[in-house]
């Protein structure tokens, strides 16, 4: 399993970054990304603290762990500048908290994220439009199929929009608790439940994580 959407007590999760990494490794994850919620305040601090534990895990356990960030409930007009700022602070990747059907995310967030090449993943974008999905495809922004209760109500619409526009999909757990870490069986249920075929499922589980890891490693080297 590869999972780039998880949270620690640096935002609203319950584990320290190093404990979340350890638990993910023990349950069989192949790689983990930590993406705590942030706005403008505390952005650099969250990235730096998570990155320190990720480096420790890579050096001592040889486990691929990386610190990203999830820009959450920020003004849509600020997404591009905050994504650039996050990258400069050392974020391995940037997620934007999309227009989920269960939270009052600002209208225009999906459009701003899909239009921004500095964004890697648009999380749980709900009833994303075909125009927004096409922009995501053009700018290399993954659309998330989420395993998180509530947010997952939009999965079918996201899968359909991606299929029509060629936008790439990535599965994310949105883990806040250790028991929310993905298993292969549950991941399969989430993806098939979104209306994806078994062939699409296999591609999402294999190709999306491989591309994300390649992006991250390329950034580390540059």
N, C-alpha and C. Protein backbone atom coordinates (compact mmCIF):
# COMPACT_ATOMS: atom_id res chain seq x y z
N UNK A 1 0.83 -1.19 0.00
CA UNK A 1 0.00 0.00 0.00
C UNK A 1 0.87 1.25 0.00
N UNK A 2 0.42 2.24 -0.77
CA UNK A 2 1.02 3.58 -0.78
C UNK A 2 -0.09 4.56 -0.40
N UNK A 3 0.21 5.51 0.45
CA UNK A 3 -0.82 6.42 0.95
C UNK A 3 -0.17 7.78 1.21
N UNK A 4 -0.66 8.79 0.52
CA UNK A 4 -0.07 10.13 0.64
C UNK A 4 -0.97 11.11 1.39
N UNK A 5 -2.11 10.63 1.90
CA UNK A 5 -3.05 11.52 2.57
C UNK A 5 -3.30 11.01 3.99
N UNK A 6 -2.49 11.49 4.94
CA UNK A 6 -2.63 11.10 6.34
C UNK A 6 -2.36 12.30 7.23
N UNK A 7 -2.84 12.19 8.47
CA UNK A 7 -2.74 13.31 9.41
C UNK A 7 -2.20 12.83 10.76
N UNK A 8 -1.46 13.72 11.42
CA UNK A 8 -0.88 13.44 12.73
C UNK A 8 -1.35 14.50 13.72
N UNK A 9 -0.81 14.45 14.92
CA UNK A 9 -1.21 15.46 15.91
C UNK A 9 -0.64 16.84 15.60
N UNK A 10 0.13 16.96 14.53
CA UNK A 10 0.51 18.30 14.07
C UNK A 10 -0.69 19.05 13.51
N UNK A 11 -1.77 18.32 13.19
CA UNK A 11 -3.05 18.97 12.87
C UNK A 11 -4.14 18.27 13.68
N UNK A 12 -4.98 17.47 13.05
CA UNK A 12 -6.10 16.87 13.80
C UNK A 12 -6.04 15.36 13.88
N UNK A 13 -4.86 14.77 13.65
CA UNK A 13 -4.68 13.34 13.89
C UNK A 13 -4.34 13.10 15.35
N UNK A 14 -4.09 11.83 15.69
CA UNK A 14 -3.87 11.49 17.10
C UNK A 14 -2.46 10.97 17.38
N UNK A 15 -1.69 10.64 16.35
CA UNK A 15 -0.35 10.10 16.55
C UNK A 15 0.72 11.11 16.17
N UNK A 16 1.90 10.97 16.77
CA UNK A 16 3.04 11.74 16.30
C UNK A 16 3.41 11.25 14.90
N UNK A 17 4.11 12.06 14.13
CA UNK A 17 4.52 11.59 12.81
C UNK A 17 5.31 10.28 12.86
N UNK A 18 6.25 10.15 13.78
CA UNK A 18 7.08 8.94 13.80
C UNK A 18 6.25 7.72 14.17
N UNK A 19 5.26 7.87 15.06
CA UNK A 19 4.44 6.71 15.40
C UNK A 19 3.54 6.31 14.23
N UNK A 20 3.00 7.29 13.52
CA UNK A 20 2.18 6.95 12.35
C UNK A 20 3.02 6.21 11.31
N UNK A 21 4.24 6.68 11.10
CA UNK A 21 5.13 6.00 10.15
C UNK A 21 5.38 4.57 10.61
N UNK A 22 5.67 4.39 11.88
CA UNK A 22 5.95 3.05 12.40
C UNK A 22 4.75 2.13 12.21
N UNK A 23 3.57 2.61 12.54
CA UNK A 23 2.38 1.78 12.40
C UNK A 23 2.11 1.43 10.94
N UNK A 24 2.33 2.39 10.06
CA UNK A 24 2.14 2.11 8.63
C UNK A 24 3.11 1.04 8.15
N UNK A 25 4.35 1.14 8.58
CA UNK A 25 5.34 0.14 8.18
C UNK A 25 4.97 -1.25 8.70
N UNK A 26 4.50 -1.32 9.93
CA UNK A 26 4.18 -2.60 10.54
C UNK A 26 2.99 -3.28 9.86
N UNK A 27 2.01 -2.50 9.40
CA UNK A 27 0.84 -3.11 8.74
C UNK A 27 1.09 -3.37 7.26
N UNK A 28 2.29 -3.09 6.77
CA UNK A 28 2.64 -3.50 5.43
C UNK A 28 2.66 -2.43 4.37
N UNK A 29 2.59 -1.17 4.75
CA UNK A 29 2.68 -0.09 3.76
C UNK A 29 4.03 -0.14 3.06
N UNK A 30 4.03 0.23 1.78
CA UNK A 30 5.28 0.34 1.03
C UNK A 30 5.85 1.75 1.09
N UNK A 31 5.00 2.74 1.32
CA UNK A 31 5.43 4.14 1.45
C UNK A 31 4.31 4.92 2.11
N UNK A 32 4.68 6.00 2.79
CA UNK A 32 3.70 6.83 3.50
C UNK A 32 4.02 8.30 3.29
N UNK A 33 2.99 9.08 3.03
CA UNK A 33 3.10 10.52 3.02
C UNK A 33 2.29 11.11 4.15
N UNK A 34 2.86 12.09 4.85
CA UNK A 34 2.16 12.79 5.93
C UNK A 34 1.77 14.16 5.41
N UNK A 35 0.49 14.49 5.50
CA UNK A 35 -0.02 15.72 4.89
C UNK A 35 -0.94 16.44 5.86
N UNK A 36 -0.37 16.99 6.91
CA UNK A 36 -1.21 17.64 7.91
C UNK A 36 -1.87 18.90 7.37
N UNK A 37 -3.08 19.16 7.90
CA UNK A 37 -3.82 20.36 7.52
C UNK A 37 -3.03 21.61 7.87
N UNK A 38 -3.10 22.61 6.99
CA UNK A 38 -2.49 23.90 7.33
C UNK A 38 -3.12 24.99 6.50
N UNK A 39 -3.09 26.19 7.06
CA UNK A 39 -3.34 27.40 6.32
C UNK A 39 -2.02 28.13 6.19
N UNK A 40 -2.08 29.46 6.16
CA UNK A 40 -0.84 30.24 6.08
C UNK A 40 -0.06 30.18 7.40
N UNK A 41 -0.78 30.24 8.51
CA UNK A 41 -0.13 30.21 9.82
C UNK A 41 0.41 28.83 10.14
N UNK A 42 1.66 28.76 10.53
CA UNK A 42 2.25 27.49 10.93
C UNK A 42 2.62 26.57 9.79
N UNK A 43 2.53 27.04 8.56
CA UNK A 43 2.78 26.18 7.40
C UNK A 43 4.18 25.59 7.44
N UNK A 44 5.18 26.44 7.57
CA UNK A 44 6.56 25.96 7.58
C UNK A 44 6.83 25.05 8.77
N UNK A 45 6.30 25.39 9.92
CA UNK A 45 6.55 24.59 11.13
C UNK A 45 6.04 23.17 10.95
N UNK A 46 4.81 23.02 10.45
CA UNK A 46 4.25 21.67 10.29
C UNK A 46 5.07 20.84 9.31
N UNK A 47 5.44 21.46 8.21
CA UNK A 47 6.23 20.74 7.21
C UNK A 47 7.57 20.32 7.80
N UNK A 48 8.24 21.23 8.47
CA UNK A 48 9.58 20.95 9.00
C UNK A 48 9.54 19.87 10.08
N UNK A 49 8.53 19.91 10.96
CA UNK A 49 8.46 18.91 12.04
C UNK A 49 8.18 17.52 11.48
N UNK A 50 7.24 17.43 10.54
CA UNK A 50 6.95 16.12 9.94
C UNK A 50 8.15 15.63 9.14
N UNK A 51 8.81 16.53 8.44
CA UNK A 51 9.95 16.14 7.61
C UNK A 51 11.09 15.56 8.44
N UNK A 52 11.26 16.07 9.66
CA UNK A 52 12.34 15.55 10.51
C UNK A 52 12.11 14.09 10.85
N UNK A 53 10.87 13.73 11.21
CA UNK A 53 10.58 12.33 11.50
C UNK A 53 10.63 11.46 10.25
N UNK A 54 10.21 12.01 9.13
CA UNK A 54 10.29 11.26 7.87
C UNK A 54 11.74 10.94 7.51
N UNK A 55 12.61 11.91 7.69
CA UNK A 55 14.04 11.67 7.43
C UNK A 55 14.59 10.58 8.34
N UNK A 56 14.19 10.64 9.61
CA UNK A 56 14.65 9.63 10.57
C UNK A 56 14.20 8.24 10.15
N UNK A 57 12.95 8.12 9.71
CA UNK A 57 12.43 6.82 9.28
C UNK A 57 13.15 6.31 8.04
N UNK A 58 13.45 7.21 7.12
CA UNK A 58 14.17 6.78 5.91
C UNK A 58 15.60 6.34 6.24
N UNK A 59 16.24 7.07 7.15
CA UNK A 59 17.64 6.76 7.47
C UNK A 59 17.78 5.51 8.34
N UNK A 60 16.92 5.35 9.34
CA UNK A 60 17.11 4.27 10.31
C UNK A 60 16.30 3.02 9.98
N UNK A 61 15.10 3.20 9.38
CA UNK A 61 14.27 2.04 9.03
C UNK A 61 14.28 1.75 7.54
N UNK A 62 14.87 2.65 6.77
CA UNK A 62 14.86 2.53 5.30
C UNK A 62 13.43 2.42 4.78
N UNK A 63 12.55 3.17 5.43
CA UNK A 63 11.13 3.18 5.05
C UNK A 63 10.83 4.50 4.34
N UNK A 64 10.24 4.45 3.15
CA UNK A 64 9.96 5.68 2.39
C UNK A 64 8.82 6.49 3.01
N UNK A 65 9.16 7.50 3.76
CA UNK A 65 8.18 8.39 4.39
C UNK A 65 8.51 9.82 3.98
N UNK A 66 7.47 10.58 3.64
CA UNK A 66 7.68 11.92 3.09
C UNK A 66 6.67 12.89 3.69
N UNK A 67 7.11 14.12 3.90
CA UNK A 67 6.27 15.16 4.49
C UNK A 67 5.72 16.08 3.41
N UNK A 68 4.41 16.04 3.26
CA UNK A 68 3.72 17.01 2.43
C UNK A 68 2.90 17.93 3.30
N UNK A 69 1.84 18.47 2.73
CA UNK A 69 0.93 19.33 3.49
C UNK A 69 -0.41 19.33 2.78
N UNK A 70 -1.50 19.50 3.54
CA UNK A 70 -2.82 19.67 2.94
C UNK A 70 -3.31 21.09 3.23
N UNK A 71 -3.32 21.92 2.21
CA UNK A 71 -3.85 23.28 2.34
C UNK A 71 -5.36 23.16 2.50
N UNK A 72 -5.86 23.61 3.66
CA UNK A 72 -7.23 23.29 4.05
C UNK A 72 -8.03 24.54 4.39
N UNK A 73 -9.16 24.71 3.71
CA UNK A 73 -10.05 25.84 3.94
C UNK A 73 -9.32 27.17 3.84
N UNK A 74 -8.38 27.26 2.92
CA UNK A 74 -7.74 28.55 2.64
C UNK A 74 -8.52 29.23 1.52
N UNK A 75 -8.45 30.55 1.40
CA UNK A 75 -9.12 31.21 0.28
C UNK A 75 -8.63 30.63 -1.05
N UNK A 76 -9.56 30.41 -1.94
CA UNK A 76 -9.18 29.84 -3.24
C UNK A 76 -8.14 30.71 -3.94
N UNK A 77 -8.26 32.01 -3.76
CA UNK A 77 -7.33 32.94 -4.42
C UNK A 77 -5.91 32.85 -3.85
N UNK A 78 -5.74 32.19 -2.69
CA UNK A 78 -4.42 32.07 -2.05
C UNK A 78 -3.75 30.73 -2.31
N UNK A 79 -4.44 29.82 -2.99
CA UNK A 79 -3.91 28.46 -3.13
C UNK A 79 -2.57 28.45 -3.87
N UNK A 80 -2.47 29.15 -4.97
CA UNK A 80 -1.23 29.10 -5.76
C UNK A 80 -0.05 29.62 -4.96
N UNK A 81 -0.21 30.75 -4.28
CA UNK A 81 0.92 31.32 -3.53
C UNK A 81 1.30 30.45 -2.34
N UNK A 82 0.30 29.83 -1.68
CA UNK A 82 0.60 28.96 -0.55
C UNK A 82 1.25 27.66 -1.00
N UNK A 83 0.86 27.16 -2.17
CA UNK A 83 1.50 25.95 -2.70
C UNK A 83 2.97 26.21 -2.98
N UNK A 84 3.28 27.36 -3.56
CA UNK A 84 4.68 27.73 -3.81
C UNK A 84 5.43 27.86 -2.48
N UNK A 85 4.80 28.49 -1.52
CA UNK A 85 5.44 28.67 -0.21
C UNK A 85 5.70 27.31 0.46
N UNK A 86 4.76 26.38 0.33
CA UNK A 86 4.94 25.05 0.92
C UNK A 86 6.11 24.33 0.28
N UNK A 87 6.20 24.43 -1.03
CA UNK A 87 7.32 23.79 -1.73
C UNK A 87 8.65 24.38 -1.26
N UNK A 88 8.69 25.70 -1.12
CA UNK A 88 9.93 26.36 -0.67
C UNK A 88 10.30 25.94 0.75
N UNK A 89 9.28 25.62 1.55
CA UNK A 89 9.52 25.19 2.93
C UNK A 89 9.97 23.74 3.01
N UNK A 90 9.98 23.05 1.88
CA UNK A 90 10.47 21.68 1.86
C UNK A 90 9.41 20.61 1.75
N UNK A 91 8.16 21.00 1.48
CA UNK A 91 7.11 19.99 1.30
C UNK A 91 7.45 19.09 0.12
N UNK A 92 7.37 17.79 0.33
CA UNK A 92 7.64 16.84 -0.74
C UNK A 92 6.54 16.86 -1.78
N UNK A 93 5.34 17.25 -1.36
CA UNK A 93 4.19 17.35 -2.26
C UNK A 93 3.13 18.20 -1.58
N UNK A 94 2.17 18.66 -2.37
CA UNK A 94 1.12 19.55 -1.87
C UNK A 94 -0.25 18.99 -2.22
N UNK A 95 -1.09 18.88 -1.21
CA UNK A 95 -2.50 18.50 -1.38
C UNK A 95 -3.35 19.74 -1.13
N UNK A 96 -4.45 19.86 -1.85
CA UNK A 96 -5.46 20.87 -1.53
C UNK A 96 -6.74 20.16 -1.11
N UNK A 97 -7.31 20.62 -0.02
CA UNK A 97 -8.56 20.10 0.54
C UNK A 97 -9.70 20.56 -0.37
N UNK A 98 -10.23 19.64 -1.14
CA UNK A 98 -11.21 19.99 -2.17
C UNK A 98 -12.62 20.20 -1.65
N UNK A 99 -13.54 20.42 -2.59
CA UNK A 99 -14.92 20.80 -2.28
C UNK A 99 -15.77 19.57 -1.92
N UNK A 100 -15.38 18.93 -0.83
CA UNK A 100 -16.12 17.79 -0.30
C UNK A 100 -17.58 18.16 -0.04
N UNK A 101 -18.50 17.21 -0.20
CA UNK A 101 -19.91 17.52 0.05
C UNK A 101 -20.27 17.69 1.51
N UNK A 102 -19.34 17.41 2.43
CA UNK A 102 -19.69 17.44 3.85
C UNK A 102 -19.02 18.57 4.63
N UNK A 103 -18.36 19.50 3.94
CA UNK A 103 -17.75 20.65 4.62
C UNK A 103 -17.95 21.90 3.77
N UNK A 104 -17.91 23.08 4.41
CA UNK A 104 -18.16 24.33 3.68
C UNK A 104 -16.91 24.88 2.99
N UNK A 105 -16.23 24.04 2.22
CA UNK A 105 -15.07 24.50 1.46
C UNK A 105 -15.51 25.59 0.48
N UNK A 106 -14.69 26.61 0.32
CA UNK A 106 -15.06 27.73 -0.55
C UNK A 106 -15.23 27.27 -1.99
N UNK A 107 -16.32 27.72 -2.61
CA UNK A 107 -16.50 27.48 -4.04
C UNK A 107 -15.34 28.11 -4.80
N UNK A 108 -14.84 27.40 -5.78
CA UNK A 108 -13.67 27.87 -6.52
C UNK A 108 -12.39 27.20 -6.09
N UNK A 109 -12.43 26.45 -4.99
CA UNK A 109 -11.24 25.75 -4.51
C UNK A 109 -10.79 24.69 -5.51
N UNK A 110 -11.74 23.89 -6.01
CA UNK A 110 -11.37 22.86 -6.99
C UNK A 110 -10.72 23.49 -8.23
N UNK A 111 -11.31 24.57 -8.71
CA UNK A 111 -10.79 25.22 -9.91
C UNK A 111 -9.38 25.75 -9.67
N UNK A 112 -9.17 26.40 -8.52
CA UNK A 112 -7.86 26.97 -8.22
C UNK A 112 -6.81 25.88 -8.10
N UNK A 113 -7.16 24.78 -7.44
CA UNK A 113 -6.20 23.69 -7.27
C UNK A 113 -5.89 23.00 -8.59
N UNK A 114 -6.93 22.75 -9.38
CA UNK A 114 -6.74 22.07 -10.66
C UNK A 114 -5.93 22.91 -11.64
N UNK A 115 -5.94 24.22 -11.44
CA UNK A 115 -5.22 25.14 -12.33
C UNK A 115 -3.78 25.35 -11.93
N UNK A 116 -3.35 24.76 -10.81
CA UNK A 116 -2.05 25.08 -10.22
C UNK A 116 -1.06 23.93 -10.37
N UNK A 117 -0.04 24.08 -11.19
CA UNK A 117 0.94 23.00 -11.36
C UNK A 117 1.75 22.68 -10.10
N UNK A 118 1.73 23.58 -9.12
CA UNK A 118 2.45 23.31 -7.87
C UNK A 118 1.65 22.42 -6.92
N UNK A 119 0.40 22.14 -7.27
CA UNK A 119 -0.43 21.23 -6.49
C UNK A 119 -0.29 19.83 -7.07
N UNK A 120 -0.13 18.84 -6.20
CA UNK A 120 0.00 17.46 -6.65
C UNK A 120 -1.31 16.68 -6.59
N UNK A 121 -2.10 16.93 -5.55
CA UNK A 121 -3.31 16.14 -5.32
C UNK A 121 -4.45 17.08 -4.92
N UNK A 122 -5.59 16.93 -5.57
CA UNK A 122 -6.82 17.60 -5.16
C UNK A 122 -7.64 16.56 -4.41
N UNK A 123 -7.71 16.70 -3.10
CA UNK A 123 -8.35 15.70 -2.25
C UNK A 123 -9.87 15.85 -2.29
N UNK A 124 -10.54 14.71 -2.26
CA UNK A 124 -12.00 14.62 -2.17
C UNK A 124 -12.71 15.83 -2.78
N UNK A 125 -12.63 16.00 -4.11
CA UNK A 125 -13.19 17.20 -4.74
C UNK A 125 -14.69 17.17 -4.98
N UNK A 126 -15.39 16.15 -4.48
CA UNK A 126 -16.85 16.15 -4.56
C UNK A 126 -17.36 16.17 -5.99
N UNK A 127 -18.33 17.01 -6.25
CA UNK A 127 -18.97 17.07 -7.58
C UNK A 127 -18.13 17.92 -8.53
N UNK A 128 -16.93 17.47 -8.80
CA UNK A 128 -16.01 18.21 -9.66
C UNK A 128 -16.57 18.29 -11.07
N UNK A 129 -16.39 19.41 -11.73
CA UNK A 129 -16.89 19.57 -13.10
C UNK A 129 -15.91 18.97 -14.10
N UNK A 130 -16.40 18.73 -15.30
CA UNK A 130 -15.52 18.21 -16.35
C UNK A 130 -14.44 19.23 -16.70
N UNK A 131 -14.78 20.51 -16.67
CA UNK A 131 -13.78 21.54 -16.96
C UNK A 131 -12.67 21.53 -15.91
N UNK A 132 -13.04 21.38 -14.65
CA UNK A 132 -12.04 21.33 -13.58
C UNK A 132 -11.17 20.08 -13.70
N UNK A 133 -11.81 18.95 -14.00
CA UNK A 133 -11.06 17.70 -14.16
C UNK A 133 -10.09 17.79 -15.34
N UNK A 134 -10.53 18.43 -16.41
CA UNK A 134 -9.65 18.59 -17.58
C UNK A 134 -8.45 19.46 -17.24
N UNK A 135 -8.65 20.50 -16.44
CA UNK A 135 -7.53 21.33 -15.99
C UNK A 135 -6.57 20.53 -15.12
N UNK A 136 -7.13 19.69 -14.26
CA UNK A 136 -6.28 18.84 -13.42
C UNK A 136 -5.42 17.93 -14.28
N UNK A 137 -6.02 17.35 -15.32
CA UNK A 137 -5.25 16.50 -16.23
C UNK A 137 -4.14 17.28 -16.91
N UNK A 138 -4.46 18.48 -17.34
CA UNK A 138 -3.49 19.33 -18.05
C UNK A 138 -2.32 19.72 -17.15
N UNK A 139 -2.60 19.94 -15.87
CA UNK A 139 -1.57 20.45 -14.95
C UNK A 139 -0.94 19.36 -14.08
N UNK A 140 -1.28 18.11 -14.33
CA UNK A 140 -0.67 17.02 -13.58
C UNK A 140 -1.14 16.91 -12.15
N UNK A 141 -2.37 17.35 -11.87
CA UNK A 141 -2.93 17.29 -10.53
C UNK A 141 -3.75 16.01 -10.40
N UNK A 142 -3.36 15.14 -9.49
CA UNK A 142 -4.15 13.93 -9.24
C UNK A 142 -5.48 14.29 -8.58
N UNK A 143 -6.53 13.59 -8.95
CA UNK A 143 -7.82 13.67 -8.26
C UNK A 143 -7.89 12.48 -7.30
N UNK A 144 -8.31 12.74 -6.09
CA UNK A 144 -8.32 11.69 -5.08
C UNK A 144 -9.64 10.94 -5.03
N UNK A 145 -9.52 9.62 -4.99
CA UNK A 145 -10.61 8.76 -4.54
C UNK A 145 -10.33 8.50 -3.06
N UNK A 146 -11.26 8.89 -2.22
CA UNK A 146 -10.99 8.87 -0.78
C UNK A 146 -11.70 7.72 -0.07
N UNK A 147 -11.01 7.19 0.93
CA UNK A 147 -11.60 6.16 1.77
C UNK A 147 -12.30 6.76 2.99
N UNK A 148 -12.27 8.08 3.12
CA UNK A 148 -12.80 8.73 4.33
C UNK A 148 -14.32 8.85 4.27
N UNK A 149 -14.96 8.43 5.36
CA UNK A 149 -16.41 8.53 5.47
C UNK A 149 -16.87 9.97 5.25
N UNK A 150 -17.97 10.15 4.54
CA UNK A 150 -18.48 11.48 4.24
C UNK A 150 -17.86 12.04 2.99
N UNK A 151 -16.57 12.25 3.01
CA UNK A 151 -15.87 12.73 1.82
C UNK A 151 -16.08 11.78 0.63
N UNK A 152 -16.22 10.48 0.94
CA UNK A 152 -16.33 9.47 -0.11
C UNK A 152 -17.63 9.57 -0.90
N UNK A 153 -18.57 10.38 -0.47
CA UNK A 153 -19.84 10.53 -1.19
C UNK A 153 -19.63 11.06 -2.61
N UNK A 154 -18.52 11.74 -2.84
CA UNK A 154 -18.25 12.27 -4.17
C UNK A 154 -17.42 11.35 -5.05
N UNK A 155 -17.04 10.18 -4.56
CA UNK A 155 -16.11 9.32 -5.31
C UNK A 155 -16.61 8.95 -6.70
N UNK A 156 -17.90 8.65 -6.81
CA UNK A 156 -18.43 8.26 -8.12
C UNK A 156 -18.31 9.37 -9.14
N UNK A 157 -18.62 10.59 -8.72
CA UNK A 157 -18.52 11.74 -9.63
C UNK A 157 -17.07 11.99 -10.02
N UNK A 158 -16.16 11.82 -9.07
CA UNK A 158 -14.73 12.03 -9.35
C UNK A 158 -14.23 11.00 -10.35
N UNK A 159 -14.59 9.75 -10.14
CA UNK A 159 -14.16 8.68 -11.04
C UNK A 159 -14.69 8.91 -12.45
N UNK A 160 -15.96 9.30 -12.55
CA UNK A 160 -16.56 9.52 -13.87
C UNK A 160 -15.90 10.69 -14.58
N UNK A 161 -15.63 11.78 -13.86
CA UNK A 161 -14.99 12.94 -14.48
C UNK A 161 -13.58 12.61 -14.93
N UNK A 162 -12.87 11.84 -14.14
CA UNK A 162 -11.51 11.45 -14.51
C UNK A 162 -11.52 10.57 -15.75
N UNK A 163 -12.44 9.65 -15.81
CA UNK A 163 -12.53 8.75 -16.96
C UNK A 163 -12.78 9.53 -18.25
N UNK A 164 -13.62 10.56 -18.17
CA UNK A 164 -13.99 11.32 -19.36
C UNK A 164 -12.89 12.28 -19.80
N UNK A 165 -12.09 12.77 -18.86
CA UNK A 165 -11.11 13.81 -19.18
C UNK A 165 -9.66 13.33 -19.21
N UNK A 166 -9.42 12.13 -18.71
CA UNK A 166 -8.05 11.65 -18.63
C UNK A 166 -7.30 12.10 -17.41
N UNK A 167 -7.99 12.71 -16.45
CA UNK A 167 -7.33 13.08 -15.20
C UNK A 167 -6.88 11.83 -14.46
N UNK A 168 -5.76 11.92 -13.79
CA UNK A 168 -5.22 10.78 -13.06
C UNK A 168 -5.83 10.70 -11.66
N UNK A 169 -6.01 9.47 -11.21
CA UNK A 169 -6.62 9.22 -9.91
C UNK A 169 -5.60 8.63 -8.94
N UNK A 170 -5.80 8.94 -7.67
CA UNK A 170 -4.95 8.42 -6.61
C UNK A 170 -5.84 8.11 -5.41
N UNK A 171 -5.62 6.97 -4.78
CA UNK A 171 -6.38 6.60 -3.59
C UNK A 171 -5.72 7.19 -2.35
N UNK A 172 -6.53 7.76 -1.46
CA UNK A 172 -6.01 8.27 -0.19
C UNK A 172 -6.90 7.85 0.96
N UNK A 173 -6.28 7.55 2.10
CA UNK A 173 -7.07 7.13 3.27
C UNK A 173 -7.64 8.29 4.05
N UNK A 174 -6.95 9.44 4.03
CA UNK A 174 -7.30 10.56 4.91
C UNK A 174 -7.29 10.10 6.37
N UNK A 175 -6.28 9.31 6.69
CA UNK A 175 -6.15 8.74 8.03
C UNK A 175 -5.97 9.82 9.09
N UNK A 176 -6.76 9.71 10.15
CA UNK A 176 -6.57 10.51 11.36
C UNK A 176 -6.30 9.61 12.57
N UNK A 177 -6.74 8.36 12.47
CA UNK A 177 -6.59 7.37 13.53
C UNK A 177 -5.84 6.17 12.96
N UNK A 178 -5.09 5.44 13.78
CA UNK A 178 -4.31 4.32 13.23
C UNK A 178 -5.17 3.26 12.56
N UNK A 179 -6.38 3.06 13.06
CA UNK A 179 -7.24 2.04 12.45
C UNK A 179 -7.79 2.46 11.09
N UNK A 180 -7.55 3.69 10.68
CA UNK A 180 -7.99 4.14 9.35
C UNK A 180 -6.94 3.90 8.27
N UNK A 181 -5.78 3.39 8.63
CA UNK A 181 -4.79 3.04 7.61
C UNK A 181 -5.38 1.98 6.67
N UNK A 182 -5.01 2.05 5.42
CA UNK A 182 -5.61 1.19 4.40
C UNK A 182 -5.10 -0.24 4.49
N UNK A 183 -5.97 -1.16 4.09
CA UNK A 183 -5.58 -2.54 3.80
C UNK A 183 -5.88 -2.79 2.33
N UNK A 184 -5.23 -3.75 1.70
CA UNK A 184 -5.52 -4.03 0.29
C UNK A 184 -6.99 -4.35 0.04
N UNK A 185 -7.60 -5.10 0.95
CA UNK A 185 -9.00 -5.45 0.76
C UNK A 185 -9.93 -4.26 0.82
N UNK A 186 -9.69 -3.36 1.78
CA UNK A 186 -10.56 -2.19 1.87
C UNK A 186 -10.30 -1.23 0.72
N UNK A 187 -9.05 -1.10 0.32
CA UNK A 187 -8.74 -0.24 -0.83
C UNK A 187 -9.49 -0.70 -2.07
N UNK A 188 -9.54 -2.00 -2.28
CA UNK A 188 -10.26 -2.55 -3.42
C UNK A 188 -11.74 -2.22 -3.34
N UNK A 189 -12.32 -2.34 -2.15
CA UNK A 189 -13.75 -2.04 -1.98
C UNK A 189 -14.04 -0.57 -2.29
N UNK A 190 -13.17 0.31 -1.84
CA UNK A 190 -13.37 1.75 -2.08
C UNK A 190 -13.33 2.06 -3.57
N UNK A 191 -12.36 1.52 -4.26
CA UNK A 191 -12.19 1.82 -5.69
C UNK A 191 -13.30 1.19 -6.53
N UNK A 192 -13.65 -0.04 -6.25
CA UNK A 192 -14.74 -0.67 -6.99
C UNK A 192 -16.07 0.02 -6.66
N UNK A 193 -16.22 0.45 -5.41
CA UNK A 193 -17.43 1.16 -5.01
C UNK A 193 -17.59 2.51 -5.68
N UNK A 194 -16.48 3.08 -6.16
CA UNK A 194 -16.53 4.34 -6.90
C UNK A 194 -16.93 4.14 -8.35
N UNK A 195 -17.14 2.88 -8.73
CA UNK A 195 -17.55 2.59 -10.10
C UNK A 195 -16.40 2.31 -11.05
N UNK A 196 -15.21 2.11 -10.49
CA UNK A 196 -14.05 1.83 -11.32
C UNK A 196 -13.97 0.35 -11.65
N UNK A 197 -13.42 0.04 -12.79
CA UNK A 197 -13.25 -1.36 -13.20
C UNK A 197 -12.04 -1.95 -12.48
N UNK A 198 -11.93 -3.27 -12.53
CA UNK A 198 -10.77 -3.90 -11.92
C UNK A 198 -9.48 -3.49 -12.64
N UNK A 199 -9.55 -3.31 -13.94
CA UNK A 199 -8.37 -2.86 -14.68
C UNK A 199 -7.96 -1.45 -14.25
N UNK A 200 -8.95 -0.56 -14.08
CA UNK A 200 -8.66 0.79 -13.61
C UNK A 200 -8.10 0.75 -12.19
N UNK A 201 -8.68 -0.11 -11.36
CA UNK A 201 -8.21 -0.27 -9.98
C UNK A 201 -6.73 -0.62 -9.95
N UNK A 202 -6.34 -1.58 -10.76
CA UNK A 202 -4.94 -2.02 -10.76
C UNK A 202 -4.01 -0.90 -11.20
N UNK A 203 -4.45 -0.11 -12.18
CA UNK A 203 -3.65 1.02 -12.65
C UNK A 203 -3.50 2.08 -11.56
N UNK A 204 -4.60 2.39 -10.88
CA UNK A 204 -4.56 3.40 -9.82
C UNK A 204 -3.64 2.97 -8.68
N UNK A 205 -3.71 1.71 -8.32
CA UNK A 205 -2.89 1.21 -7.21
C UNK A 205 -1.41 1.12 -7.58
N UNK A 206 -1.12 0.95 -8.86
CA UNK A 206 0.26 0.77 -9.29
C UNK A 206 0.88 2.06 -9.84
N UNK A 207 0.21 2.67 -10.82
CA UNK A 207 0.83 3.76 -11.58
C UNK A 207 0.82 5.09 -10.83
N UNK A 208 -0.29 5.39 -10.15
CA UNK A 208 -0.37 6.66 -9.42
C UNK A 208 0.70 6.79 -8.35
N UNK A 209 0.83 5.80 -7.45
CA UNK A 209 1.89 5.89 -6.44
C UNK A 209 3.29 5.93 -7.04
N UNK A 210 3.50 5.17 -8.12
CA UNK A 210 4.83 5.19 -8.75
C UNK A 210 5.17 6.58 -9.27
N UNK A 211 4.18 7.26 -9.86
CA UNK A 211 4.43 8.61 -10.36
C UNK A 211 4.66 9.59 -9.22
N UNK A 212 3.88 9.46 -8.14
CA UNK A 212 4.09 10.35 -7.00
C UNK A 212 5.49 10.17 -6.41
N UNK A 213 5.92 8.94 -6.25
CA UNK A 213 7.25 8.71 -5.69
C UNK A 213 8.34 9.24 -6.62
N UNK A 214 8.13 9.11 -7.92
CA UNK A 214 9.10 9.64 -8.87
C UNK A 214 9.18 11.16 -8.78
N UNK A 215 8.03 11.82 -8.64
CA UNK A 215 8.03 13.28 -8.47
C UNK A 215 8.82 13.68 -7.23
N UNK A 216 8.52 13.00 -6.13
CA UNK A 216 9.14 13.34 -4.86
C UNK A 216 10.65 13.16 -4.94
N UNK A 217 11.08 12.05 -5.49
CA UNK A 217 12.52 11.78 -5.56
C UNK A 217 13.22 12.73 -6.51
N UNK A 218 12.54 13.10 -7.58
CA UNK A 218 13.12 14.08 -8.51
C UNK A 218 13.32 15.42 -7.81
N UNK A 219 12.35 15.83 -7.00
CA UNK A 219 12.46 17.10 -6.28
C UNK A 219 13.59 17.05 -5.26
N UNK A 220 13.76 15.91 -4.61
CA UNK A 220 14.84 15.77 -3.63
C UNK A 220 16.21 15.93 -4.29
N UNK A 221 16.31 15.47 -5.52
CA UNK A 221 17.60 15.50 -6.22
C UNK A 221 17.90 16.85 -6.85
N UNK A 222 16.85 17.64 -7.10
CA UNK A 222 17.05 18.91 -7.82
C UNK A 222 17.38 20.06 -6.86
